[in-house]
Amino acid sequence: MAGENVYVGKCFCGAVELTVTGTPVAMGYCHCRSCQHWSAGPINTFTLWQPQAVRVTKGGEHVESFQKTDYSVRKFCDTCGGHLYSEHPLWGVTDVYAPVIPGLDYKPTMHVNYEDTILHVKDGLPKFKDMPSEMGGSGVQLPE
């Protein structure tokens, strides 16, 4: 692990801390209805990591889970309600929301689930109708 990037993040109140180690598998923006409802915002900023790269290092007793679908197990702090990360068991990755990791150089490469967008973004990045084909989606891209 020497030489690997280690980032420390925390929930809104600081009761829960986590570390992510290494490099994200992918970074981007999600526009799906579930992320919109969960975040109460039009877009969710994701950073996908191998599950073993994500560890809760403080306040694990405050981490609660909510699972609405088979796709995501959402994790949050039971003290402040701050969102922490989502486990995606079907895809084998963990999504740590970019704002939770302040030291990470966030470089998004795509928009996913753009068919559900309520906020159109003109940034030159690919806009996938659902997901890229290598992530199990159709791979269909939509215009900006």
N, C-alpha and C. Protein backbone atom coordinates (compact mmCIF):
# COMPACT_ATOMS: atom_id res chain seq x y z
N MET A 1 0.80 -1.20 0.00
CA MET A 1 0.00 0.00 0.00
C MET A 1 0.85 1.27 0.00
N ALA A 2 2.13 1.15 0.23
CA ALA A 2 2.98 2.34 0.24
C ALA A 2 2.93 3.01 -1.12
N GLY A 3 2.82 4.32 -1.11
CA GLY A 3 2.77 5.08 -2.35
C GLY A 3 1.39 5.24 -2.93
N GLU A 4 0.40 4.52 -2.40
CA GLU A 4 -0.97 4.66 -2.90
C GLU A 4 -1.62 5.91 -2.32
N ASN A 5 -2.53 6.48 -3.08
CA ASN A 5 -3.29 7.62 -2.59
C ASN A 5 -4.25 7.17 -1.51
N VAL A 6 -4.30 7.92 -0.42
CA VAL A 6 -5.25 7.66 0.66
C VAL A 6 -6.02 8.95 0.90
N TYR A 7 -7.33 8.86 0.84
CA TYR A 7 -8.19 10.03 1.04
C TYR A 7 -9.06 9.79 2.27
N VAL A 8 -9.25 10.84 3.04
CA VAL A 8 -10.09 10.76 4.23
C VAL A 8 -11.33 11.61 4.01
N GLY A 9 -12.47 11.04 4.28
CA GLY A 9 -13.72 11.76 4.16
C GLY A 9 -14.55 11.59 5.41
N LYS A 10 -15.61 12.35 5.52
CA LYS A 10 -16.46 12.24 6.69
C LYS A 10 -17.87 12.66 6.35
N CYS A 11 -18.79 12.30 7.22
CA CYS A 11 -20.17 12.71 7.06
C CYS A 11 -20.31 14.20 7.40
N PHE A 12 -21.51 14.71 7.31
CA PHE A 12 -21.79 16.13 7.53
C PHE A 12 -21.38 16.61 8.92
N CYS A 13 -21.61 15.78 9.96
CA CYS A 13 -21.28 16.20 11.33
C CYS A 13 -19.91 15.72 11.80
N GLY A 14 -19.29 14.81 11.05
CA GLY A 14 -17.97 14.31 11.42
C GLY A 14 -17.98 13.09 12.32
N ALA A 15 -19.16 12.56 12.67
CA ALA A 15 -19.23 11.38 13.53
C ALA A 15 -18.68 10.14 12.83
N VAL A 16 -18.80 10.09 11.51
CA VAL A 16 -18.30 8.95 10.72
C VAL A 16 -17.18 9.44 9.82
N GLU A 17 -16.07 8.72 9.85
CA GLU A 17 -14.97 8.98 8.92
C GLU A 17 -14.70 7.72 8.12
N LEU A 18 -14.26 7.94 6.90
CA LEU A 18 -13.90 6.80 6.05
C LEU A 18 -12.64 7.13 5.29
N THR A 19 -11.96 6.09 4.83
CA THR A 19 -10.81 6.28 3.95
C THR A 19 -11.06 5.52 2.66
N VAL A 20 -10.59 6.09 1.58
CA VAL A 20 -10.56 5.39 0.30
C VAL A 20 -9.11 5.38 -0.15
N THR A 21 -8.68 4.26 -0.68
CA THR A 21 -7.28 4.07 -1.03
C THR A 21 -7.16 3.69 -2.49
N GLY A 22 -6.19 4.30 -3.16
CA GLY A 22 -5.92 3.97 -4.55
C GLY A 22 -6.51 4.97 -5.50
N THR A 23 -7.06 4.45 -6.59
CA THR A 23 -7.61 5.27 -7.66
C THR A 23 -9.02 4.79 -7.97
N PRO A 24 -9.96 5.70 -8.18
CA PRO A 24 -11.31 5.27 -8.52
C PRO A 24 -11.34 4.51 -9.84
N VAL A 25 -12.29 3.60 -9.94
CA VAL A 25 -12.52 2.86 -11.18
C VAL A 25 -13.13 3.79 -12.23
N ALA A 26 -14.00 4.68 -11.78
CA ALA A 26 -14.65 5.65 -12.67
C ALA A 26 -15.15 6.82 -11.85
N MET A 27 -15.32 7.96 -12.53
CA MET A 27 -15.91 9.15 -11.91
C MET A 27 -16.87 9.79 -12.92
N GLY A 28 -17.96 10.28 -12.41
CA GLY A 28 -18.90 10.92 -13.31
C GLY A 28 -20.11 11.47 -12.58
N TYR A 29 -21.16 11.68 -13.36
CA TYR A 29 -22.41 12.25 -12.86
C TYR A 29 -23.55 11.27 -13.12
N CYS A 30 -24.39 11.06 -12.12
CA CYS A 30 -25.57 10.21 -12.30
C CYS A 30 -26.82 11.08 -12.25
N HIS A 31 -27.72 10.83 -13.20
CA HIS A 31 -28.96 11.60 -13.32
C HIS A 31 -30.19 10.75 -13.04
N CYS A 32 -30.03 9.53 -12.50
CA CYS A 32 -31.18 8.65 -12.31
C CYS A 32 -32.14 9.20 -11.26
N ARG A 33 -33.38 8.78 -11.35
CA ARG A 33 -34.41 9.25 -10.42
C ARG A 33 -34.07 8.87 -8.97
N SER A 34 -33.48 7.69 -8.77
CA SER A 34 -33.12 7.29 -7.41
C SER A 34 -32.10 8.24 -6.79
N CYS A 35 -31.07 8.59 -7.55
CA CYS A 35 -30.06 9.53 -7.04
C CYS A 35 -30.66 10.91 -6.82
N GLN A 36 -31.55 11.33 -7.72
CA GLN A 36 -32.20 12.63 -7.54
C GLN A 36 -33.00 12.67 -6.25
N HIS A 37 -33.77 11.63 -6.00
CA HIS A 37 -34.58 11.59 -4.78
C HIS A 37 -33.71 11.46 -3.54
N TRP A 38 -32.69 10.60 -3.60
CA TRP A 38 -31.82 10.38 -2.44
C TRP A 38 -31.06 11.64 -2.07
N SER A 39 -30.51 12.33 -3.08
CA SER A 39 -29.68 13.50 -2.81
C SER A 39 -30.47 14.80 -2.71
N ALA A 40 -31.73 14.77 -3.12
CA ALA A 40 -32.56 15.97 -3.20
C ALA A 40 -31.92 17.00 -4.13
N GLY A 41 -31.22 16.51 -5.13
CA GLY A 41 -30.57 17.37 -6.12
C GLY A 41 -30.73 16.79 -7.51
N PRO A 42 -30.45 17.56 -8.53
CA PRO A 42 -30.64 17.09 -9.89
C PRO A 42 -29.57 16.12 -10.39
N ILE A 43 -28.38 16.14 -9.76
CA ILE A 43 -27.26 15.32 -10.24
C ILE A 43 -26.49 14.80 -9.03
N ASN A 44 -26.05 13.56 -9.11
CA ASN A 44 -25.20 12.98 -8.07
C ASN A 44 -23.80 12.79 -8.65
N THR A 45 -22.78 13.23 -7.93
CA THR A 45 -21.40 13.06 -8.37
C THR A 45 -20.86 11.76 -7.78
N PHE A 46 -20.49 10.83 -8.67
CA PHE A 46 -20.04 9.53 -8.18
C PHE A 46 -18.54 9.33 -8.39
N THR A 47 -17.96 8.56 -7.48
CA THR A 47 -16.61 8.02 -7.64
C THR A 47 -16.73 6.55 -7.29
N LEU A 48 -16.43 5.69 -8.24
CA LEU A 48 -16.57 4.25 -8.03
C LEU A 48 -15.23 3.64 -7.66
N TRP A 49 -15.26 2.80 -6.63
CA TRP A 49 -14.06 2.18 -6.08
C TRP A 49 -14.28 0.68 -5.94
N GLN A 50 -13.19 -0.07 -5.94
CA GLN A 50 -13.27 -1.47 -5.56
C GLN A 50 -13.69 -1.49 -4.09
N PRO A 51 -14.59 -2.38 -3.69
CA PRO A 51 -15.10 -2.37 -2.31
C PRO A 51 -14.00 -2.42 -1.24
N GLN A 52 -12.92 -3.15 -1.50
CA GLN A 52 -11.85 -3.26 -0.49
C GLN A 52 -11.07 -1.96 -0.33
N ALA A 53 -11.27 -0.99 -1.22
CA ALA A 53 -10.57 0.30 -1.12
C ALA A 53 -11.28 1.27 -0.18
N VAL A 54 -12.49 0.92 0.27
CA VAL A 54 -13.30 1.81 1.10
C VAL A 54 -13.42 1.21 2.50
N ARG A 55 -13.03 2.00 3.52
CA ARG A 55 -13.11 1.53 4.91
C ARG A 55 -13.65 2.62 5.81
N VAL A 56 -14.58 2.25 6.65
CA VAL A 56 -15.04 3.18 7.69
C VAL A 56 -14.01 3.09 8.80
N THR A 57 -13.42 4.22 9.18
CA THR A 57 -12.32 4.23 10.16
C THR A 57 -12.73 4.83 11.50
N LYS A 58 -13.90 5.46 11.55
CA LYS A 58 -14.38 6.04 12.80
C LYS A 58 -15.90 6.10 12.73
N GLY A 59 -16.54 5.78 13.85
CA GLY A 59 -17.99 5.94 13.94
C GLY A 59 -18.81 4.91 13.20
N GLY A 60 -18.25 3.73 12.99
CA GLY A 60 -18.98 2.68 12.29
C GLY A 60 -20.34 2.37 12.90
N GLU A 61 -20.46 2.59 14.19
CA GLU A 61 -21.75 2.34 14.87
C GLU A 61 -22.82 3.34 14.44
N HIS A 62 -22.43 4.40 13.77
CA HIS A 62 -23.39 5.41 13.30
C HIS A 62 -23.80 5.21 11.84
N VAL A 63 -23.21 4.21 11.17
CA VAL A 63 -23.53 3.98 9.76
C VAL A 63 -24.79 3.13 9.65
N GLU A 64 -25.77 3.68 8.99
CA GLU A 64 -27.03 2.97 8.73
C GLU A 64 -27.16 2.72 7.24
N SER A 65 -28.04 1.79 6.88
CA SER A 65 -28.23 1.41 5.48
C SER A 65 -29.68 1.56 5.08
N PHE A 66 -29.89 1.83 3.80
CA PHE A 66 -31.21 1.82 3.20
C PHE A 66 -31.09 1.20 1.83
N GLN A 67 -31.94 0.19 1.56
CA GLN A 67 -31.90 -0.49 0.28
C GLN A 67 -33.29 -0.50 -0.33
N LYS A 68 -33.47 0.27 -1.39
CA LYS A 68 -34.75 0.34 -2.10
C LYS A 68 -34.80 -0.64 -3.27
N THR A 69 -33.63 -0.84 -3.92
CA THR A 69 -33.55 -1.73 -5.08
C THR A 69 -32.38 -2.70 -4.90
N ASP A 70 -32.28 -3.65 -5.81
CA ASP A 70 -31.15 -4.59 -5.79
C ASP A 70 -29.84 -3.92 -6.22
N TYR A 71 -29.93 -2.74 -6.83
CA TYR A 71 -28.75 -2.08 -7.37
C TYR A 71 -27.90 -1.36 -6.33
N SER A 72 -28.53 -0.87 -5.27
CA SER A 72 -27.79 -0.01 -4.34
C SER A 72 -28.17 -0.24 -2.89
N VAL A 73 -27.15 -0.26 -2.03
CA VAL A 73 -27.34 -0.21 -0.59
C VAL A 73 -26.72 1.11 -0.16
N ARG A 74 -27.57 2.07 0.16
CA ARG A 74 -27.12 3.43 0.47
C ARG A 74 -26.76 3.53 1.95
N LYS A 75 -25.63 4.16 2.24
CA LYS A 75 -25.11 4.28 3.60
C LYS A 75 -25.12 5.75 4.03
N PHE A 76 -25.53 5.97 5.28
CA PHE A 76 -25.64 7.33 5.80
C PHE A 76 -25.37 7.33 7.29
N CYS A 77 -25.10 8.51 7.84
CA CYS A 77 -24.84 8.69 9.26
C CYS A 77 -26.17 8.81 10.00
N ASP A 78 -26.34 8.03 11.07
CA ASP A 78 -27.60 8.10 11.83
C ASP A 78 -27.65 9.31 12.77
N THR A 79 -26.56 10.04 12.90
CA THR A 79 -26.53 11.24 13.73
C THR A 79 -27.00 12.47 12.95
N CYS A 80 -26.39 12.69 11.79
CA CYS A 80 -26.72 13.89 11.00
C CYS A 80 -27.50 13.60 9.73
N GLY A 81 -27.59 12.34 9.34
CA GLY A 81 -28.27 11.99 8.09
C GLY A 81 -27.39 12.18 6.88
N GLY A 82 -26.13 12.58 7.08
CA GLY A 82 -25.23 12.82 5.95
C GLY A 82 -24.98 11.56 5.15
N HIS A 83 -25.04 11.70 3.84
CA HIS A 83 -24.81 10.58 2.93
C HIS A 83 -23.32 10.28 2.86
N LEU A 84 -22.98 9.00 2.83
CA LEU A 84 -21.59 8.58 2.83
C LEU A 84 -21.19 7.88 1.54
N TYR A 85 -21.86 6.77 1.22
CA TYR A 85 -21.52 5.98 0.05
C TYR A 85 -22.65 5.01 -0.25
N SER A 86 -22.57 4.38 -1.41
CA SER A 86 -23.52 3.33 -1.79
C SER A 86 -22.74 2.11 -2.24
N GLU A 87 -23.14 0.96 -1.74
CA GLU A 87 -22.58 -0.29 -2.24
C GLU A 87 -23.44 -0.72 -3.42
N HIS A 88 -22.79 -1.15 -4.50
CA HIS A 88 -23.50 -1.63 -5.68
C HIS A 88 -23.12 -3.11 -5.88
N PRO A 89 -23.82 -4.02 -5.19
CA PRO A 89 -23.42 -5.43 -5.21
C PRO A 89 -23.48 -6.08 -6.59
N LEU A 90 -24.41 -5.68 -7.44
CA LEU A 90 -24.51 -6.28 -8.77
C LEU A 90 -23.35 -5.88 -9.67
N TRP A 91 -22.76 -4.71 -9.41
CA TRP A 91 -21.64 -4.24 -10.23
C TRP A 91 -20.30 -4.46 -9.55
N GLY A 92 -20.30 -4.81 -8.27
CA GLY A 92 -19.05 -5.08 -7.56
C GLY A 92 -18.22 -3.84 -7.28
N VAL A 93 -18.88 -2.68 -7.11
CA VAL A 93 -18.16 -1.45 -6.79
C VAL A 93 -18.88 -0.70 -5.67
N THR A 94 -18.16 0.23 -5.07
CA THR A 94 -18.72 1.09 -4.04
C THR A 94 -18.59 2.53 -4.52
N ASP A 95 -19.70 3.27 -4.44
CA ASP A 95 -19.74 4.67 -4.87
C ASP A 95 -19.61 5.56 -3.65
N VAL A 96 -18.47 6.25 -3.55
CA VAL A 96 -18.30 7.25 -2.51
C VAL A 96 -18.57 8.59 -3.17
N TYR A 97 -19.57 9.30 -2.67
CA TYR A 97 -19.98 10.56 -3.28
C TYR A 97 -18.82 11.55 -3.23
N ALA A 98 -18.53 12.17 -4.36
CA ALA A 98 -17.36 13.03 -4.50
C ALA A 98 -17.23 14.08 -3.40
N PRO A 99 -18.31 14.76 -2.97
CA PRO A 99 -18.14 15.78 -1.93
C PRO A 99 -17.71 15.22 -0.56
N VAL A 100 -17.87 13.91 -0.37
CA VAL A 100 -17.45 13.29 0.89
C VAL A 100 -15.93 13.16 0.96
N ILE A 101 -15.25 13.25 -0.19
CA ILE A 101 -13.80 13.08 -0.26
C ILE A 101 -13.17 14.41 -0.69
N PRO A 102 -13.00 15.36 0.21
CA PRO A 102 -12.55 16.69 -0.19
C PRO A 102 -11.17 16.73 -0.83
N GLY A 103 -10.28 15.81 -0.54
CA GLY A 103 -8.93 15.85 -1.10
C GLY A 103 -8.81 15.21 -2.48
N LEU A 104 -9.86 14.56 -2.95
CA LEU A 104 -9.81 13.88 -4.24
C LEU A 104 -9.88 14.89 -5.39
N ASP A 105 -9.03 14.71 -6.37
CA ASP A 105 -9.08 15.52 -7.59
C ASP A 105 -10.16 14.91 -8.49
N TYR A 106 -11.37 15.42 -8.35
CA TYR A 106 -12.53 14.86 -9.05
C TYR A 106 -12.47 15.22 -10.53
N LYS A 107 -12.36 14.19 -11.38
CA LYS A 107 -12.30 14.39 -12.83
C LYS A 107 -13.35 13.49 -13.49
N PRO A 108 -14.58 13.98 -13.61
CA PRO A 108 -15.64 13.17 -14.21
C PRO A 108 -15.35 12.88 -15.69
N THR A 109 -15.79 11.71 -16.13
CA THR A 109 -15.57 11.32 -17.53
C THR A 109 -16.86 11.03 -18.28
N MET A 110 -18.01 11.05 -17.58
CA MET A 110 -19.26 10.68 -18.23
C MET A 110 -20.46 11.11 -17.41
N HIS A 111 -21.60 11.10 -18.06
CA HIS A 111 -22.90 11.26 -17.41
C HIS A 111 -23.65 9.95 -17.65
N VAL A 112 -24.25 9.37 -16.61
CA VAL A 112 -25.03 8.15 -16.76
C VAL A 112 -26.49 8.43 -16.42
N ASN A 113 -27.36 7.59 -16.97
CA ASN A 113 -28.81 7.71 -16.79
C ASN A 113 -29.31 9.10 -17.21
N TYR A 114 -28.73 9.60 -18.30
CA TYR A 114 -29.06 10.95 -18.77
C TYR A 114 -30.49 11.05 -19.28
N GLU A 115 -31.11 9.91 -19.61
CA GLU A 115 -32.51 9.95 -20.05
C GLU A 115 -33.43 10.50 -18.96
N ASP A 116 -32.99 10.44 -17.70
CA ASP A 116 -33.78 10.93 -16.57
C ASP A 116 -33.42 12.35 -16.15
N THR A 117 -32.51 13.00 -16.88
CA THR A 117 -32.01 14.29 -16.42
C THR A 117 -33.11 15.34 -16.29
N ILE A 118 -32.96 16.18 -15.29
CA ILE A 118 -33.82 17.36 -15.14
C ILE A 118 -32.98 18.64 -15.22
N LEU A 119 -31.67 18.44 -15.38
CA LEU A 119 -30.75 19.57 -15.52
C LEU A 119 -29.78 19.23 -16.64
N HIS A 120 -29.96 19.80 -17.81
CA HIS A 120 -29.09 19.52 -18.94
C HIS A 120 -27.75 20.23 -18.75
N VAL A 121 -26.68 19.49 -19.06
CA VAL A 121 -25.32 19.98 -18.84
C VAL A 121 -24.58 19.94 -20.18
N LYS A 122 -23.98 21.04 -20.55
CA LYS A 122 -23.19 21.11 -21.78
C LYS A 122 -21.72 21.22 -21.39
N ASP A 123 -21.08 20.05 -21.25
CA ASP A 123 -19.68 20.03 -20.84
C ASP A 123 -18.80 19.18 -21.75
N GLY A 124 -19.37 18.65 -22.83
CA GLY A 124 -18.59 17.85 -23.77
C GLY A 124 -18.38 16.41 -23.36
N LEU A 125 -18.81 16.01 -22.17
CA LEU A 125 -18.66 14.62 -21.73
C LEU A 125 -19.75 13.76 -22.35
N PRO A 126 -19.48 12.46 -22.54
CA PRO A 126 -20.50 11.57 -23.08
C PRO A 126 -21.71 11.50 -22.14
N LYS A 127 -22.90 11.49 -22.75
CA LYS A 127 -24.17 11.42 -22.01
C LYS A 127 -24.81 10.08 -22.34
N PHE A 128 -24.70 9.12 -21.44
CA PHE A 128 -25.26 7.80 -21.69
C PHE A 128 -26.73 7.76 -21.31
N LYS A 129 -27.54 7.19 -22.19
CA LYS A 129 -28.97 7.04 -21.93
C LYS A 129 -29.17 6.35 -20.58
N ASP A 130 -28.47 5.24 -20.39
CA ASP A 130 -28.49 4.54 -19.11
C ASP A 130 -27.04 4.41 -18.62
N MET A 131 -26.37 3.36 -19.01
CA MET A 131 -24.98 3.14 -18.57
C MET A 131 -24.14 2.75 -19.78
N PRO A 132 -22.81 2.93 -19.70
CA PRO A 132 -21.94 2.40 -20.76
C PRO A 132 -22.09 0.88 -20.84
N SER A 133 -21.86 0.31 -22.00
CA SER A 133 -22.03 -1.13 -22.17
C SER A 133 -21.10 -1.92 -21.25
N GLU A 134 -19.88 -1.42 -21.01
CA GLU A 134 -18.96 -2.14 -20.13
C GLU A 134 -19.41 -2.13 -18.67
N MET A 135 -20.40 -1.28 -18.36
CA MET A 135 -20.97 -1.24 -17.00
C MET A 135 -22.34 -1.91 -16.97
N GLY A 136 -22.69 -2.62 -18.04
CA GLY A 136 -23.95 -3.36 -18.07
C GLY A 136 -25.11 -2.62 -18.71
N GLY A 137 -24.86 -1.44 -19.27
CA GLY A 137 -25.93 -0.67 -19.89
C GLY A 137 -26.00 -0.89 -21.39
N SER A 138 -26.83 -0.09 -22.03
CA SER A 138 -27.00 -0.20 -23.48
C SER A 138 -25.84 0.42 -24.24
N GLY A 139 -25.14 1.36 -23.62
CA GLY A 139 -24.06 2.07 -24.29
C GLY A 139 -24.55 3.18 -25.21
N VAL A 140 -25.87 3.38 -25.29
CA VAL A 140 -26.44 4.41 -26.15
C VAL A 140 -26.13 5.78 -25.57
N GLN A 141 -25.61 6.67 -26.43
CA GLN A 141 -25.31 8.03 -26.01
C GLN A 141 -26.37 8.98 -26.52
N LEU A 142 -26.69 9.98 -25.73
CA LEU A 142 -27.67 11.01 -26.07
C LEU A 142 -26.96 12.32 -26.40
N PRO A 143 -27.59 13.17 -27.17
CA PRO A 143 -26.97 14.47 -27.47
C PRO A 143 -27.00 15.37 -26.25
N GLU A 144 -26.08 16.34 -26.26
CA GLU A 144 -26.07 17.33 -25.17
C GLU A 144 -27.31 18.18 -25.27
